Amino acid sequence: MTNIHSNRTLRYYIKVLIAILMPFLILYHSDLSAKEKASGFVFNPKSEYWPTKGWKTSTPEKQGMSSEILTEIFEDIENRDLSIDSLMVVRNGYIVVEVNKRYFETLYPIYSSTKSFTSAIIGIALSKGHIKSVDQTISNFYPELLQKNGDSKIASITLKHLLTMSCGFEWPEIQTDYSNIENPVFQMVMSENWVNFLFSKPVTQEPGLEWNYNSGCSHLLFAVLYKTGLDVADFAQKYLFTPLGISNDQYKWRKNSNGMLNGSHDLYMSPRGMAKFGYLYLKGGHWDGEQIIPKSWIEESTKNHMKMNWKLFDADHYGYKWYIQSFGFHSAGYKGQYIFVIPKFELVVVFTSDLIRQELGEPIDLVKNYIVPAADASKPLPENQKAITILNSKIERFIGN
């Protein structure tokens, strides 16, 4: 009887203790959940100046970067004979390294880095009420084509699926060389109507379940905007490029045979223009007193939405047309066109290149192995004239090759 009584007493006190602690446990769990939800990149909207009318330059050391480590980038590029045309490193809003084998104003084809610009324009259009939600299905905009196709899976594809390349279409793009007539992008570009071609493809995966590289999804995002009545070219110029100080003669964005901007891969920009776009994301969508892109869209775009299965990259996750790394996020274009944004170190890095397929991930390694380590200091470093002289000689050699 004594044991029974003791057990009952113990259970009673345990219940009382739980009742006392439960509010604190709930608060702790809520706080933990809030921290988990808030995890990700931290965006600082402040800037010493805004490069709307042009970039300012600085020595690496003044911005807390090591010229000695930055020199190793050019040694690595030379040793491996990497065909890189330009490299631009911006820290704290100042150019600390800039090399270009052509002219600073040269417009390079940035290929699929175009997709990150498309994502930004979708975010701006959403903020201005031209579309309601990323959860809207494409059947809201193209009911006639969906009825003609008769595939019920297509009706469930949302704008979010298009943004995260998880739309489910049969689309072996990266499994086939782009010059091969069997490549779906080759076929889409050669077709009379790109949207019709996309809708003619079967949906072999449930939308939202699996990441698969699909340039057609990116183009379809702009097709949706055209369906709302927007002139996407004018919209992009007015609400994205003009605020950044990028005039319409400082970029070129080709349209397809149906008169639509290609949301996938036909944007031409200078590295300095690409860096402005990266800086806009670094600042959380803020630019000189104006919120160009909602901060919430920047945050959502750079979350881990889809697990990637593309072994060519070491990025594990994909956001809204951005590749997510542990150190930051980046766009990526055919032959090595990159815009890296690294909020932790206030860095923007741009590459334009002519790399072969097997070398496509090399700029990622250059950023990880040299640029991020060079930016380890949070305050200005003592000037190192010897290292700067060597760096400048390496830059001159790079330009001359």
Protein backbone atom coordinates (compact mmCIF):
# COMPACT_ATOMS: atom_id res chain seq x y z
CA MET A 1 0.00 0.00 0.00
CA THR A 2 2.86 2.32 0.82
CA ASN A 3 4.40 1.76 -2.62
CA ILE A 4 1.07 2.43 -4.34
CA HIS A 5 0.62 5.61 -2.33
CA SER A 6 4.17 6.72 -3.16
CA ASN A 7 3.63 6.10 -6.87
CA ARG A 8 0.40 8.09 -6.85
CA THR A 9 2.13 10.95 -5.04
CA LEU A 10 5.00 10.90 -7.53
CA ARG A 11 2.61 10.96 -10.48
CA TYR A 12 0.72 13.84 -8.88
CA TYR A 13 3.89 15.94 -8.48
CA ILE A 14 5.00 15.13 -12.03
CA LYS A 15 1.64 16.39 -13.34
CA VAL A 16 1.96 19.56 -11.26
CA LEU A 17 5.52 20.10 -12.52
CA ILE A 18 4.44 19.62 -16.15
CA ALA A 19 1.57 22.08 -15.63
CA ILE A 20 4.02 24.66 -14.25
CA LEU A 21 6.61 24.12 -16.98
CA MET A 22 4.23 23.79 -19.95
CA PRO A 23 3.91 27.56 -20.64
CA PHE A 24 7.68 27.84 -20.65
CA LEU A 25 8.02 24.81 -22.94
CA ILE A 26 5.48 26.33 -25.33
CA LEU A 27 7.33 29.64 -25.28
CA TYR A 28 10.63 27.88 -25.90
CA HIS A 29 9.19 25.90 -28.81
CA SER A 30 7.63 29.04 -30.26
CA ASP A 31 10.94 30.86 -29.98
CA LEU A 32 12.77 27.95 -31.61
CA SER A 33 10.22 27.83 -34.44
CA ALA A 34 10.60 31.57 -34.97
CA LYS A 35 14.36 31.17 -35.20
CA GLU A 36 13.97 28.32 -37.68
CA LYS A 37 11.58 30.35 -39.80
CA ALA A 38 13.90 33.32 -39.70
CA SER A 39 16.96 31.24 -40.64
CA GLY A 40 18.70 32.00 -43.93
CA PHE A 41 20.55 35.00 -45.29
CA VAL A 42 20.56 38.36 -43.53
CA PHE A 43 20.21 41.32 -45.87
CA ASN A 44 21.62 44.71 -44.93
CA PRO A 45 19.74 47.52 -46.75
CA LYS A 46 22.36 50.18 -45.89
CA SER A 47 25.05 51.34 -48.28
CA GLU A 48 27.75 54.03 -48.04
CA TYR A 49 26.68 55.14 -51.51
CA TRP A 50 24.56 53.75 -54.35
CA PRO A 51 26.24 52.85 -57.66
CA THR A 52 23.30 54.15 -59.73
CA LYS A 53 25.56 56.46 -61.74
CA GLY A 54 28.64 54.27 -61.50
CA TRP A 55 30.77 52.14 -59.21
CA LYS A 56 33.47 53.42 -56.88
CA THR A 57 36.73 51.52 -56.54
CA SER A 58 38.91 50.66 -53.59
CA THR A 59 41.96 48.63 -52.70
CA PRO A 60 41.05 45.20 -51.32
CA GLU A 61 42.65 45.96 -47.96
CA LYS A 62 40.53 49.06 -47.38
CA GLN A 63 37.49 46.79 -47.65
CA GLY A 64 38.94 44.08 -45.43
CA MET A 65 40.13 41.78 -48.21
CA SER A 66 43.55 40.22 -48.77
CA SER A 67 45.22 41.16 -52.05
CA GLU A 68 47.60 38.26 -51.50
CA ILE A 69 44.77 35.69 -51.51
CA LEU A 70 43.01 37.39 -54.44
CA THR A 71 46.22 37.04 -56.45
CA GLU A 72 45.88 33.26 -56.19
CA ILE A 73 42.67 33.39 -58.26
CA PHE A 74 44.57 34.49 -61.32
CA GLU A 75 47.32 31.94 -60.75
CA ASP A 76 44.67 29.21 -60.58
CA ILE A 77 42.89 30.47 -63.70
CA GLU A 78 46.20 30.56 -65.60
CA ASN A 79 47.39 27.16 -64.36
CA ARG A 80 44.17 25.48 -65.42
CA ASP A 81 43.82 27.55 -68.60
CA LEU A 82 40.21 28.50 -67.78
CA SER A 83 38.53 30.59 -70.47
CA ILE A 84 37.19 33.38 -68.24
CA ASP A 85 36.53 36.71 -69.96
CA SER A 86 35.79 38.94 -66.99
CA LEU A 87 35.78 38.89 -63.21
CA MET A 88 34.40 41.55 -60.91
CA VAL A 89 34.54 41.51 -57.11
CA VAL A 90 32.51 44.07 -55.15
CA ARG A 91 32.77 44.37 -51.38
CA ASN A 92 30.83 46.88 -49.30
CA GLY A 93 29.72 48.45 -52.59
CA TYR A 94 33.27 49.07 -53.85
CA ILE A 95 34.97 47.35 -56.75
CA VAL A 96 38.13 45.75 -55.37
CA VAL A 97 38.94 43.62 -58.43
CA GLU A 98 37.79 44.19 -62.00
CA VAL A 99 39.23 42.54 -65.09
CA ASN A 100 37.69 42.38 -68.54
CA LYS A 101 39.33 41.07 -71.71
CA ARG A 102 37.06 43.32 -73.75
CA TYR A 103 35.61 46.65 -72.58
CA PHE A 104 33.86 47.35 -69.28
CA GLU A 105 30.74 48.30 -71.25
CA THR A 106 30.74 45.11 -73.39
CA LEU A 107 27.38 43.35 -73.37
CA TYR A 108 27.89 39.63 -72.81
CA PRO A 109 25.23 36.98 -73.38
CA ILE A 110 24.44 35.83 -69.86
CA TYR A 111 22.37 32.84 -71.03
CA SER A 112 20.49 31.23 -68.13
CA SER A 113 21.51 33.88 -65.62
CA THR A 114 18.59 35.60 -67.37
CA LYS A 115 16.32 33.39 -65.26
CA SER A 116 17.24 35.22 -62.05
CA PHE A 117 16.15 38.51 -63.66
CA THR A 118 12.89 36.85 -64.68
CA SER A 119 12.30 35.83 -61.07
CA ALA A 120 12.89 39.42 -59.92
CA ILE A 121 10.36 40.76 -62.42
CA ILE A 122 7.79 38.20 -61.28
CA GLY A 123 8.34 39.40 -57.70
CA ILE A 124 7.83 43.03 -58.72
CA ALA A 125 4.70 42.14 -60.73
CA LEU A 126 3.32 40.29 -57.71
CA SER A 127 3.95 43.30 -55.46
CA LYS A 128 2.06 45.54 -57.88
CA GLY A 129 -0.95 43.25 -58.09
CA HIS A 130 -0.52 42.01 -61.66
CA ILE A 131 -0.56 38.45 -60.34
CA LYS A 132 -2.17 37.40 -57.07
CA SER A 133 0.02 34.61 -55.74
CA VAL A 134 2.71 32.13 -56.69
CA ASP A 135 0.10 29.49 -55.88
CA GLN A 136 -1.99 30.51 -58.88
CA THR A 137 -2.13 27.76 -61.46
CA ILE A 138 -1.26 28.35 -65.10
CA SER A 139 -4.79 27.22 -65.94
CA ASN A 140 -5.89 30.62 -64.60
CA PHE A 141 -4.03 32.21 -67.48
CA TYR A 142 -4.18 29.55 -70.21
CA PRO A 143 -7.51 27.70 -69.86
CA GLU A 144 -7.85 27.19 -73.62
CA LEU A 145 -4.52 25.43 -74.01
CA LEU A 146 -5.09 23.25 -70.99
CA GLN A 147 -8.48 22.16 -72.28
CA LYS A 148 -6.90 21.31 -75.62
CA ASN A 149 -4.11 19.34 -73.97
CA GLY A 150 -6.43 17.36 -71.73
CA ASP A 151 -3.74 16.52 -69.15
CA SER A 152 -5.12 17.01 -65.65
CA LYS A 153 -1.60 17.26 -64.18
CA ILE A 154 -0.94 20.42 -66.19
CA ALA A 155 -3.90 22.09 -64.50
CA SER A 156 -2.16 21.70 -61.13
CA ILE A 157 1.09 23.43 -62.18
CA THR A 158 1.52 26.68 -60.26
CA LEU A 159 3.75 29.69 -60.73
CA LYS A 160 5.78 28.39 -57.80
CA HIS A 161 6.41 25.16 -59.68
CA LEU A 162 7.67 27.21 -62.62
CA LEU A 163 9.90 29.29 -60.34
CA THR A 164 11.44 26.23 -58.68
CA MET A 165 11.78 24.13 -61.86
CA SER A 166 9.52 21.45 -60.44
CA CYS A 167 6.74 21.69 -63.04
CA GLY A 168 6.92 17.99 -63.94
CA PHE A 169 7.12 18.21 -67.74
CA GLU A 170 9.09 15.57 -69.61
CA TRP A 171 12.10 17.74 -70.36
CA PRO A 172 15.57 16.14 -70.75
CA GLU A 173 17.36 19.49 -71.23
CA ILE A 174 20.58 18.99 -69.30
CA GLN A 175 20.72 15.34 -70.31
CA THR A 176 21.12 16.33 -73.97
CA ASP A 177 23.59 18.62 -75.72
CA TYR A 178 22.03 21.96 -76.68
CA SER A 179 23.05 21.53 -80.31
CA ASN A 180 21.21 18.21 -80.51
CA ILE A 181 17.86 18.42 -82.31
CA GLU A 182 16.44 16.15 -79.59
CA ASN A 183 17.07 18.78 -76.92
CA PRO A 184 13.69 20.28 -75.89
CA VAL A 185 15.12 23.84 -75.80
CA PHE A 186 16.37 23.45 -79.37
CA GLN A 187 12.91 22.20 -80.37
CA MET A 188 11.14 24.96 -78.45
CA VAL A 189 13.24 27.71 -80.05
CA MET A 190 12.62 26.26 -83.51
CA SER A 191 8.87 25.93 -82.95
CA GLU A 192 6.32 28.50 -84.16
CA ASN A 193 4.88 29.03 -80.69
CA TRP A 194 7.01 28.35 -77.62
CA VAL A 195 4.08 28.20 -75.21
CA ASN A 196 2.16 25.75 -77.40
CA PHE A 197 5.26 23.59 -77.65
CA LEU A 198 5.64 23.51 -73.87
CA PHE A 199 2.02 22.51 -73.39
CA SER A 200 2.43 19.72 -75.93
CA LYS A 201 4.93 17.96 -73.62
CA PRO A 202 3.55 15.29 -71.27
CA VAL A 203 3.69 15.84 -67.52
CA THR A 204 5.51 12.77 -66.23
CA GLN A 205 6.08 13.88 -62.64
CA GLU A 206 3.63 15.22 -60.10
CA PRO A 207 4.29 18.99 -60.06
CA GLY A 208 6.27 20.13 -57.04
CA LEU A 209 7.90 16.80 -56.25
CA GLU A 210 11.15 16.82 -58.20
CA TRP A 211 13.59 19.42 -59.51
CA ASN A 212 14.37 19.13 -63.21
CA TYR A 213 16.16 21.79 -65.23
CA ASN A 214 13.58 23.30 -67.58
CA SER A 215 14.13 26.54 -69.50
CA GLY A 216 10.59 26.36 -70.83
CA CYS A 217 9.23 26.97 -67.33
CA SER A 218 11.13 30.25 -67.13
CA HIS A 219 9.77 31.44 -70.46
CA LEU A 220 6.26 30.46 -69.40
CA LEU A 221 6.51 32.83 -66.42
CA PHE A 222 6.79 35.77 -68.81
CA ALA A 223 4.04 34.35 -71.00
CA VAL A 224 1.79 34.50 -67.94
CA LEU A 225 2.66 38.17 -67.43
CA TYR A 226 1.81 38.92 -71.04
CA LYS A 227 -1.54 37.22 -70.44
CA THR A 228 -2.26 39.77 -67.70
CA GLY A 229 -1.86 42.55 -70.28
CA LEU A 230 1.63 43.69 -69.26
CA ASP A 231 4.20 44.83 -71.76
CA VAL A 232 6.98 42.96 -69.99
CA ALA A 233 9.83 44.80 -71.74
CA ASP A 234 8.50 48.21 -70.68
CA PHE A 235 7.68 46.91 -67.21
CA ALA A 236 11.23 45.57 -66.72
CA GLN A 237 12.80 48.80 -67.92
CA LYS A 238 10.61 51.00 -65.74
CA TYR A 239 10.61 49.04 -62.48
CA LEU A 240 13.92 47.17 -62.50
CA PHE A 241 16.58 48.61 -64.80
CA THR A 242 15.86 52.35 -64.62
CA PRO A 243 16.04 52.56 -60.79
CA LEU A 244 19.45 50.85 -60.95
CA GLY A 245 20.70 53.37 -63.49
CA ILE A 246 20.78 50.82 -66.32
CA SER A 247 19.53 52.55 -69.47
CA ASN A 248 18.01 50.65 -72.36
CA ASP A 249 21.24 50.91 -74.35
CA GLN A 250 23.17 49.22 -71.51
CA TYR A 251 21.45 45.87 -71.95
CA LYS A 252 19.74 43.90 -74.67
CA TRP A 253 16.92 41.45 -74.10
CA ARG A 254 15.81 39.54 -77.14
CA LYS A 255 12.23 38.58 -77.90
CA ASN A 256 11.11 35.31 -79.43
CA SER A 257 9.24 34.84 -82.72
CA ASN A 258 5.95 35.59 -80.95
CA GLY A 259 7.16 38.99 -79.71
CA MET A 260 7.66 37.93 -76.08
CA LEU A 261 10.79 38.59 -74.04
CA ASN A 262 12.58 35.30 -73.55
CA GLY A 263 12.40 34.68 -69.82
CA SER A 264 14.97 31.94 -70.07
CA HIS A 265 18.24 32.89 -71.74
CA ASP A 266 18.37 35.87 -74.11
CA LEU A 267 19.56 38.76 -71.91
CA TYR A 268 22.84 40.56 -72.69
CA MET A 269 24.51 42.69 -70.00
CA SER A 270 27.85 44.14 -68.99
CA PRO A 271 29.51 42.74 -65.85
CA ARG A 272 28.94 46.11 -64.16
CA GLY A 273 25.21 45.87 -64.88
CA MET A 274 25.15 42.29 -63.62
CA ALA A 275 26.88 43.46 -60.44
CA LYS A 276 24.22 46.13 -59.89
CA PHE A 277 21.55 43.44 -60.01
CA GLY A 278 23.52 41.34 -57.54
CA TYR A 279 23.94 44.36 -55.28
CA LEU A 280 20.19 44.92 -55.35
CA TYR A 281 19.73 41.39 -53.97
CA LEU A 282 22.56 41.89 -51.48
CA LYS A 283 20.63 44.90 -50.12
CA GLY A 284 17.41 42.88 -49.79
CA GLY A 285 15.76 44.54 -52.79
CA HIS A 286 16.40 48.05 -51.44
CA TRP A 287 18.04 50.74 -53.59
CA ASP A 288 18.71 54.34 -52.58
CA GLY A 289 15.60 54.89 -50.49
CA GLU A 290 13.28 52.77 -52.60
CA GLN A 291 12.20 49.15 -52.21
CA ILE A 292 12.60 47.92 -55.80
CA ILE A 293 11.83 44.28 -55.01
CA PRO A 294 9.96 43.35 -51.81
CA LYS A 295 12.35 42.06 -49.18
CA SER A 296 9.98 39.17 -48.59
CA TRP A 297 10.45 38.14 -52.23
CA ILE A 298 14.25 38.23 -51.89
CA GLU A 299 14.02 36.09 -48.76
CA GLU A 300 11.61 33.64 -50.36
CA SER A 301 13.67 33.46 -53.55
CA THR A 302 16.81 32.46 -51.67
CA LYS A 303 15.31 29.71 -49.53
CA ASN A 304 15.92 26.00 -50.09
CA HIS A 305 12.78 25.17 -52.04
CA MET A 306 13.93 22.14 -54.04
CA LYS A 307 16.63 19.53 -53.53
CA MET A 308 18.76 19.47 -56.66
CA ASN A 309 19.92 16.39 -58.52
CA TRP A 310 22.37 18.03 -60.93
CA LYS A 311 25.81 16.63 -60.10
CA LEU A 312 27.58 19.21 -62.27
CA PHE A 313 27.01 21.77 -59.51
CA ASP A 314 27.84 21.35 -55.85
CA ALA A 315 24.80 23.43 -54.89
CA ASP A 316 22.29 21.21 -53.14
CA HIS A 317 19.21 23.41 -53.33
CA TYR A 318 17.30 25.66 -55.68
CA GLY A 319 15.20 28.71 -54.83
CA TYR A 320 13.24 30.94 -57.19
CA LYS A 321 15.73 30.84 -60.10
CA TRP A 322 18.72 31.04 -57.75
CA TYR A 323 21.14 28.28 -56.73
CA ILE A 324 21.57 28.14 -52.97
CA GLN A 325 24.99 27.47 -51.48
CA SER A 326 26.11 27.34 -47.85
CA PHE A 327 28.07 30.59 -48.36
CA GLY A 328 25.51 32.48 -50.46
CA PHE A 329 23.48 32.16 -53.64
CA HIS A 330 24.07 32.66 -57.34
CA SER A 331 22.66 32.72 -60.82
CA ALA A 332 24.23 30.47 -63.46
CA GLY A 333 24.40 30.64 -67.23
CA TYR A 334 25.70 28.44 -70.03
CA LYS A 335 29.52 28.56 -70.42
CA GLY A 336 29.95 30.12 -66.97
CA GLN A 337 28.00 33.37 -66.59
CA TYR A 338 27.58 33.96 -62.86
CA ILE A 339 26.28 36.50 -60.37
CA PHE A 340 27.23 35.52 -56.80
CA VAL A 341 25.63 37.22 -53.79
CA ILE A 342 27.26 36.53 -50.42
CA PRO A 343 25.42 38.50 -47.70
CA LYS A 344 27.62 37.36 -44.80
CA PHE A 345 30.64 39.11 -46.35
CA GLU A 346 28.83 41.93 -48.21
CA LEU A 347 30.13 40.50 -51.48
CA VAL A 348 28.93 40.46 -55.07
CA VAL A 349 31.02 38.52 -57.59
CA VAL A 350 30.46 38.38 -61.36
CA PHE A 351 32.00 36.07 -63.95
CA THR A 352 31.53 35.98 -67.72
CA SER A 353 33.19 33.00 -69.33
CA ASP A 354 33.52 30.65 -72.27
CA LEU A 355 33.96 27.41 -70.34
CA ILE A 356 33.32 23.90 -71.59
CA ARG A 357 30.60 21.86 -69.91
CA GLN A 358 33.00 19.98 -67.62
CA GLU A 359 34.38 23.29 -66.31
CA LEU A 360 31.05 24.95 -65.63
CA GLY A 361 31.40 24.67 -61.86
CA GLU A 362 34.94 26.11 -61.71
CA PRO A 363 33.89 29.71 -60.88
CA ILE A 364 32.04 28.32 -57.86
CA ASP A 365 35.29 26.79 -56.63
CA LEU A 366 37.18 30.04 -57.26
CA VAL A 367 34.68 31.88 -55.07
CA LYS A 368 34.82 29.27 -52.31
CA ASN A 369 38.58 28.75 -52.36
CA TYR A 370 39.81 32.34 -52.76
CA ILE A 371 37.21 35.12 -52.69
CA VAL A 372 35.39 34.07 -49.53
CA PRO A 373 38.65 33.39 -47.60
CA ALA A 374 40.06 36.73 -48.83
CA ALA A 375 37.05 38.51 -47.27
CA ASP A 376 37.43 36.98 -43.82
CA ALA A 377 38.27 40.31 -42.14
CA SER A 378 35.35 42.50 -41.09
CA LYS A 379 37.45 45.68 -40.82
CA PRO A 380 40.03 47.37 -43.08
CA LEU A 381 43.41 45.65 -43.23
CA PRO A 382 46.82 47.35 -43.28
CA GLU A 383 47.73 48.33 -46.81
CA ASN A 384 49.98 45.75 -48.47
CA GLN A 385 51.61 47.55 -51.38
CA LYS A 386 53.75 44.59 -52.36
CA ALA A 387 50.70 42.30 -52.62
CA ILE A 388 48.74 44.96 -54.53
CA THR A 389 51.61 45.34 -57.02
CA ILE A 390 51.67 41.58 -57.60
CA LEU A 391 47.88 41.50 -57.93
CA ASN A 392 47.95 44.28 -60.53
CA SER A 393 50.63 42.45 -62.51
CA LYS A 394 48.50 39.31 -62.49
CA ILE A 395 45.51 41.35 -63.69
CA GLU A 396 47.56 42.80 -66.55
CA ARG A 397 48.74 39.32 -67.50
CA PHE A 398 45.14 38.03 -67.39
CA ILE A 399 43.96 40.81 -69.73
CA GLY A 400 46.86 40.20 -72.10
CA ASN A 401 46.22 36.46 -72.45
